[in-house]
Amino acid sequence: MSNTISFEDFNKVDLRIGTIIEVHDFPEARQPAYKLTIDFGELGIKKSSAQITTLYTKDELLHRQIVAVINFPKKQIAKFMSECLVLGVYDLQHQVVLLTPTHAVDNGQPIG
């Protein structure tokens, strides 16, 4: 088990629901990845790079709701600026499985 944190520490992480509205190949990335454009409702549109090309096609990702951290600093990945971190978990084959809501919710909804 990892270190225990306080509820106040957890509240510092801004986890939100967003809908993927664009998916593009990212050939410049070191590991196979997609460039995602994600709609977070009133919070706006953010971009992210995600290494999820093994389990997901571009068509499968389009219009899918995901969970992301939106208050990390921007990160330069090749010539792309990632503005949020899309969350997933590794399966037994070490492939990323996206965290998604089981029912549609409003974009920008907080998790917590």
N, C-alpha and C. Protein backbone atom coordinates (compact mmCIF):
# COMPACT_ATOMS: atom_id res chain seq x y z
N MET A 1 0.85 -1.18 0.00
CA MET A 1 0.00 0.00 0.00
C MET A 1 0.89 1.24 0.00
N SER A 2 0.44 2.27 -0.68
CA SER A 2 1.23 3.50 -0.74
C SER A 2 1.03 4.33 0.51
N ASN A 3 1.74 5.44 0.57
CA ASN A 3 1.64 6.33 1.72
C ASN A 3 0.23 6.89 1.88
N THR A 4 -0.20 7.03 3.11
CA THR A 4 -1.50 7.61 3.41
C THR A 4 -1.44 9.12 3.19
N ILE A 5 -2.48 9.67 2.56
CA ILE A 5 -2.57 11.12 2.39
C ILE A 5 -3.83 11.61 3.09
N SER A 6 -3.89 12.90 3.32
CA SER A 6 -5.07 13.48 3.94
C SER A 6 -6.14 13.73 2.88
N PHE A 7 -7.37 13.91 3.33
CA PHE A 7 -8.45 14.24 2.41
C PHE A 7 -8.17 15.58 1.73
N GLU A 8 -7.54 16.49 2.44
CA GLU A 8 -7.17 17.78 1.86
C GLU A 8 -6.18 17.60 0.70
N ASP A 9 -5.24 16.66 0.84
CA ASP A 9 -4.31 16.37 -0.25
C ASP A 9 -5.07 15.83 -1.47
N PHE A 10 -5.98 14.90 -1.23
CA PHE A 10 -6.77 14.34 -2.31
C PHE A 10 -7.55 15.43 -3.03
N ASN A 11 -8.11 16.36 -2.28
CA ASN A 11 -8.91 17.44 -2.87
C ASN A 11 -8.10 18.37 -3.76
N LYS A 12 -6.79 18.35 -3.63
CA LYS A 12 -5.94 19.19 -4.49
C LYS A 12 -5.90 18.67 -5.92
N VAL A 13 -6.17 17.38 -6.12
CA VAL A 13 -6.16 16.79 -7.45
C VAL A 13 -7.53 17.03 -8.09
N ASP A 14 -7.55 17.76 -9.20
CA ASP A 14 -8.80 18.10 -9.86
C ASP A 14 -9.11 17.05 -10.93
N LEU A 15 -9.92 16.06 -10.55
CA LEU A 15 -10.33 14.97 -11.44
C LEU A 15 -11.67 15.34 -12.06
N ARG A 16 -11.74 15.28 -13.40
CA ARG A 16 -12.96 15.68 -14.10
C ARG A 16 -13.32 14.70 -15.21
N ILE A 17 -14.58 14.73 -15.58
CA ILE A 17 -15.08 13.96 -16.72
C ILE A 17 -14.99 14.85 -17.96
N GLY A 18 -14.49 14.25 -19.05
CA GLY A 18 -14.46 14.94 -20.33
C GLY A 18 -14.82 13.98 -21.44
N THR A 19 -15.20 14.53 -22.59
CA THR A 19 -15.53 13.73 -23.76
C THR A 19 -14.49 13.97 -24.85
N ILE A 20 -13.95 12.90 -25.38
CA ILE A 20 -12.96 13.00 -26.45
C ILE A 20 -13.69 13.45 -27.72
N ILE A 21 -13.25 14.59 -28.29
CA ILE A 21 -13.91 15.12 -29.48
C ILE A 21 -13.03 15.04 -30.73
N GLU A 22 -11.73 14.78 -30.56
CA GLU A 22 -10.82 14.57 -31.68
C GLU A 22 -9.75 13.58 -31.28
N VAL A 23 -9.35 12.72 -32.23
CA VAL A 23 -8.27 11.75 -32.00
C VAL A 23 -7.38 11.76 -33.24
N HIS A 24 -6.07 11.96 -33.01
CA HIS A 24 -5.11 11.96 -34.11
C HIS A 24 -3.93 11.07 -33.76
N ASP A 25 -3.32 10.48 -34.78
CA ASP A 25 -2.08 9.74 -34.57
C ASP A 25 -1.00 10.70 -34.07
N PHE A 26 -0.03 10.15 -33.36
CA PHE A 26 1.07 10.95 -32.81
C PHE A 26 2.39 10.26 -33.16
N PRO A 27 2.79 10.32 -34.43
CA PRO A 27 3.99 9.59 -34.87
C PRO A 27 5.28 10.10 -34.25
N GLU A 28 5.30 11.33 -33.75
CA GLU A 28 6.52 11.89 -33.15
C GLU A 28 6.78 11.36 -31.73
N ALA A 29 5.80 10.75 -31.11
CA ALA A 29 5.94 10.24 -29.73
C ALA A 29 6.90 9.05 -29.71
N ARG A 30 7.65 8.92 -28.61
CA ARG A 30 8.60 7.80 -28.47
C ARG A 30 7.88 6.46 -28.40
N GLN A 31 6.77 6.43 -27.68
CA GLN A 31 5.92 5.24 -27.58
C GLN A 31 4.66 5.50 -28.39
N PRO A 32 4.05 4.48 -28.99
CA PRO A 32 2.83 4.70 -29.76
C PRO A 32 1.76 5.41 -28.92
N ALA A 33 1.20 6.47 -29.47
CA ALA A 33 0.24 7.29 -28.72
C ALA A 33 -0.70 8.00 -29.68
N TYR A 34 -1.79 8.50 -29.09
CA TYR A 34 -2.71 9.36 -29.81
C TYR A 34 -2.65 10.76 -29.21
N LYS A 35 -2.97 11.75 -30.02
CA LYS A 35 -3.23 13.11 -29.56
C LYS A 35 -4.74 13.21 -29.39
N LEU A 36 -5.18 13.54 -28.19
CA LEU A 36 -6.61 13.65 -27.90
C LEU A 36 -6.99 15.10 -27.66
N THR A 37 -8.15 15.49 -28.13
CA THR A 37 -8.76 16.76 -27.79
C THR A 37 -10.01 16.42 -27.00
N ILE A 38 -10.12 17.01 -25.80
CA ILE A 38 -11.14 16.60 -24.83
C ILE A 38 -11.96 17.81 -24.40
N ASP A 39 -13.27 17.66 -24.43
CA ASP A 39 -14.21 18.71 -24.02
C ASP A 39 -14.55 18.53 -22.55
N PHE A 40 -14.20 19.54 -21.73
CA PHE A 40 -14.51 19.53 -20.31
C PHE A 40 -15.63 20.52 -19.98
N GLY A 41 -16.54 20.72 -20.91
CA GLY A 41 -17.69 21.58 -20.67
C GLY A 41 -17.28 23.02 -20.41
N GLU A 42 -17.80 23.59 -19.34
CA GLU A 42 -17.52 24.99 -18.99
C GLU A 42 -16.04 25.24 -18.70
N LEU A 43 -15.28 24.18 -18.44
CA LEU A 43 -13.85 24.32 -18.16
C LEU A 43 -13.03 24.42 -19.44
N GLY A 44 -13.67 24.16 -20.58
CA GLY A 44 -13.00 24.33 -21.86
C GLY A 44 -12.49 23.04 -22.48
N ILE A 45 -11.74 23.24 -23.56
CA ILE A 45 -11.17 22.15 -24.33
C ILE A 45 -9.70 22.00 -23.94
N LYS A 46 -9.26 20.77 -23.70
CA LYS A 46 -7.86 20.51 -23.37
C LYS A 46 -7.34 19.38 -24.26
N LYS A 47 -6.03 19.36 -24.43
CA LYS A 47 -5.37 18.35 -25.25
C LYS A 47 -4.53 17.44 -24.35
N SER A 48 -4.38 16.19 -24.79
CA SER A 48 -3.59 15.23 -24.04
C SER A 48 -2.99 14.21 -24.99
N SER A 49 -1.86 13.67 -24.61
CA SER A 49 -1.26 12.54 -25.31
C SER A 49 -1.53 11.30 -24.47
N ALA A 50 -1.94 10.22 -25.14
CA ALA A 50 -2.26 8.99 -24.40
C ALA A 50 -1.73 7.77 -25.14
N GLN A 51 -1.01 6.94 -24.40
CA GLN A 51 -0.45 5.71 -24.96
C GLN A 51 -1.48 4.58 -24.85
N ILE A 52 -2.50 4.68 -25.69
CA ILE A 52 -3.62 3.75 -25.62
C ILE A 52 -3.93 3.14 -26.99
N THR A 53 -2.93 3.09 -27.86
CA THR A 53 -3.16 2.64 -29.24
C THR A 53 -3.37 1.14 -29.36
N THR A 54 -2.96 0.36 -28.38
CA THR A 54 -3.10 -1.09 -28.48
C THR A 54 -4.54 -1.55 -28.28
N LEU A 55 -5.21 -0.99 -27.28
CA LEU A 55 -6.56 -1.44 -26.95
C LEU A 55 -7.67 -0.63 -27.61
N TYR A 56 -7.34 0.56 -28.12
CA TYR A 56 -8.38 1.45 -28.63
C TYR A 56 -8.04 1.96 -30.03
N THR A 57 -9.04 1.94 -30.91
CA THR A 57 -8.89 2.59 -32.21
C THR A 57 -9.35 4.03 -32.08
N LYS A 58 -9.01 4.83 -33.06
CA LYS A 58 -9.44 6.24 -33.04
C LYS A 58 -10.97 6.32 -33.03
N ASP A 59 -11.62 5.47 -33.82
CA ASP A 59 -13.09 5.50 -33.86
C ASP A 59 -13.71 5.11 -32.52
N GLU A 60 -13.10 4.17 -31.82
CA GLU A 60 -13.62 3.76 -30.50
C GLU A 60 -13.49 4.87 -29.46
N LEU A 61 -12.48 5.70 -29.62
CA LEU A 61 -12.23 6.77 -28.65
C LEU A 61 -13.11 8.00 -28.87
N LEU A 62 -13.46 8.25 -30.11
CA LEU A 62 -14.24 9.44 -30.43
C LEU A 62 -15.58 9.41 -29.71
N HIS A 63 -15.89 10.46 -28.97
CA HIS A 63 -17.13 10.65 -28.20
C HIS A 63 -17.17 9.82 -26.92
N ARG A 64 -16.05 9.19 -26.55
CA ARG A 64 -15.99 8.43 -25.29
C ARG A 64 -15.70 9.40 -24.14
N GLN A 65 -16.41 9.20 -23.03
CA GLN A 65 -16.12 9.98 -21.83
C GLN A 65 -14.98 9.31 -21.06
N ILE A 66 -14.11 10.15 -20.51
CA ILE A 66 -12.95 9.67 -19.77
C ILE A 66 -12.81 10.45 -18.47
N VAL A 67 -11.92 9.99 -17.61
CA VAL A 67 -11.55 10.69 -16.38
C VAL A 67 -10.15 11.25 -16.58
N ALA A 68 -9.94 12.50 -16.19
CA ALA A 68 -8.62 13.12 -16.35
C ALA A 68 -8.31 14.04 -15.19
N VAL A 69 -7.01 14.20 -14.93
CA VAL A 69 -6.52 15.22 -13.99
C VAL A 69 -6.30 16.47 -14.83
N ILE A 70 -6.94 17.58 -14.42
CA ILE A 70 -6.83 18.78 -15.24
C ILE A 70 -6.00 19.89 -14.60
N ASN A 71 -5.45 19.65 -13.41
CA ASN A 71 -4.67 20.72 -12.77
C ASN A 71 -3.19 20.39 -12.59
N PHE A 72 -2.66 19.47 -13.39
CA PHE A 72 -1.21 19.29 -13.46
C PHE A 72 -0.64 20.38 -14.38
N PRO A 73 0.64 20.71 -14.23
CA PRO A 73 1.23 21.65 -15.20
C PRO A 73 1.25 21.03 -16.60
N LYS A 74 1.21 21.89 -17.60
CA LYS A 74 1.31 21.41 -18.99
C LYS A 74 2.64 20.69 -19.16
N LYS A 75 2.65 19.69 -20.07
CA LYS A 75 3.87 18.91 -20.29
C LYS A 75 4.15 18.82 -21.79
N GLN A 76 5.38 19.17 -22.17
CA GLN A 76 5.80 19.08 -23.57
C GLN A 76 6.14 17.64 -23.90
N ILE A 77 5.47 17.09 -24.92
CA ILE A 77 5.76 15.74 -25.40
C ILE A 77 6.03 15.88 -26.89
N ALA A 78 7.30 15.72 -27.27
CA ALA A 78 7.74 16.01 -28.65
C ALA A 78 7.35 17.45 -28.95
N LYS A 79 6.62 17.68 -30.03
CA LYS A 79 6.20 19.05 -30.37
C LYS A 79 4.76 19.32 -29.95
N PHE A 80 4.26 18.55 -29.00
CA PHE A 80 2.87 18.61 -28.56
C PHE A 80 2.83 19.01 -27.09
N MET A 81 1.90 19.91 -26.72
CA MET A 81 1.74 20.33 -25.34
C MET A 81 0.52 19.62 -24.74
N SER A 82 0.78 18.71 -23.80
CA SER A 82 -0.28 17.98 -23.12
C SER A 82 -0.78 18.82 -21.95
N GLU A 83 -2.10 19.01 -21.88
CA GLU A 83 -2.69 19.92 -20.89
C GLU A 83 -3.43 19.20 -19.77
N CYS A 84 -3.60 17.89 -19.88
CA CYS A 84 -4.26 17.13 -18.83
C CYS A 84 -3.76 15.69 -18.90
N LEU A 85 -4.03 14.93 -17.85
CA LEU A 85 -3.60 13.53 -17.78
C LEU A 85 -4.83 12.63 -17.79
N VAL A 86 -5.00 11.90 -18.87
CA VAL A 86 -6.09 10.93 -18.98
C VAL A 86 -5.73 9.72 -18.13
N LEU A 87 -6.67 9.25 -17.32
CA LEU A 87 -6.38 8.18 -16.36
C LEU A 87 -6.79 6.81 -16.88
N GLY A 88 -5.97 5.84 -16.52
CA GLY A 88 -6.24 4.46 -16.87
C GLY A 88 -5.52 3.54 -15.89
N VAL A 89 -5.72 2.26 -16.09
CA VAL A 89 -5.09 1.25 -15.26
C VAL A 89 -4.50 0.20 -16.19
N TYR A 90 -3.38 -0.41 -15.79
CA TYR A 90 -2.76 -1.46 -16.61
C TYR A 90 -3.50 -2.77 -16.43
N ASP A 91 -3.74 -3.46 -17.55
CA ASP A 91 -4.32 -4.80 -17.47
C ASP A 91 -3.18 -5.82 -17.32
N LEU A 92 -3.51 -7.10 -17.39
CA LEU A 92 -2.51 -8.15 -17.18
C LEU A 92 -1.44 -8.17 -18.26
N GLN A 93 -1.74 -7.64 -19.44
CA GLN A 93 -0.76 -7.57 -20.53
C GLN A 93 -0.03 -6.23 -20.55
N HIS A 94 -0.21 -5.45 -19.49
CA HIS A 94 0.43 -4.14 -19.32
C HIS A 94 -0.03 -3.12 -20.36
N GLN A 95 -1.29 -3.23 -20.77
CA GLN A 95 -1.91 -2.27 -21.67
C GLN A 95 -2.82 -1.36 -20.84
N VAL A 96 -2.90 -0.09 -21.23
CA VAL A 96 -3.70 0.88 -20.48
C VAL A 96 -5.18 0.73 -20.82
N VAL A 97 -5.99 0.53 -19.78
CA VAL A 97 -7.44 0.49 -19.88
C VAL A 97 -7.96 1.81 -19.30
N LEU A 98 -8.70 2.56 -20.10
CA LEU A 98 -9.17 3.87 -19.66
C LEU A 98 -10.18 3.77 -18.52
N LEU A 99 -10.14 4.75 -17.61
CA LEU A 99 -11.17 4.89 -16.59
C LEU A 99 -12.29 5.73 -17.20
N THR A 100 -13.50 5.19 -17.19
CA THR A 100 -14.63 5.88 -17.80
C THR A 100 -15.86 5.73 -16.92
N PRO A 101 -16.78 6.70 -16.97
CA PRO A 101 -18.04 6.53 -16.23
C PRO A 101 -18.89 5.46 -16.91
N THR A 102 -19.70 4.77 -16.14
CA THR A 102 -20.57 3.73 -16.71
C THR A 102 -21.84 4.31 -17.33
N HIS A 103 -22.16 5.55 -16.99
CA HIS A 103 -23.30 6.26 -17.56
C HIS A 103 -22.84 7.66 -17.97
N ALA A 104 -23.46 8.22 -18.98
CA ALA A 104 -23.10 9.56 -19.44
C ALA A 104 -23.38 10.59 -18.34
N VAL A 105 -22.43 11.48 -18.16
CA VAL A 105 -22.58 12.60 -17.22
C VAL A 105 -22.13 13.87 -17.94
N ASP A 106 -22.41 15.02 -17.34
CA ASP A 106 -22.01 16.28 -17.95
C ASP A 106 -20.51 16.42 -17.99
N ASN A 107 -20.00 16.92 -19.10
CA ASN A 107 -18.56 17.21 -19.19
C ASN A 107 -18.18 18.25 -18.14
N GLY A 108 -17.02 18.03 -17.53
CA GLY A 108 -16.54 18.93 -16.49
C GLY A 108 -16.94 18.53 -15.09
N GLN A 109 -17.79 17.49 -14.96
CA GLN A 109 -18.21 17.05 -13.63
C GLN A 109 -16.98 16.63 -12.82
N PRO A 110 -16.89 17.08 -11.57
CA PRO A 110 -15.75 16.68 -10.73
C PRO A 110 -15.93 15.27 -10.19
N ILE A 111 -14.80 14.61 -9.93
CA ILE A 111 -14.78 13.30 -9.28
C ILE A 111 -14.36 13.54 -7.83
N GLY A 112 -14.99 12.86 -6.93
CA GLY A 112 -14.55 13.01 -5.56
C GLY A 112 -15.63 12.92 -4.56
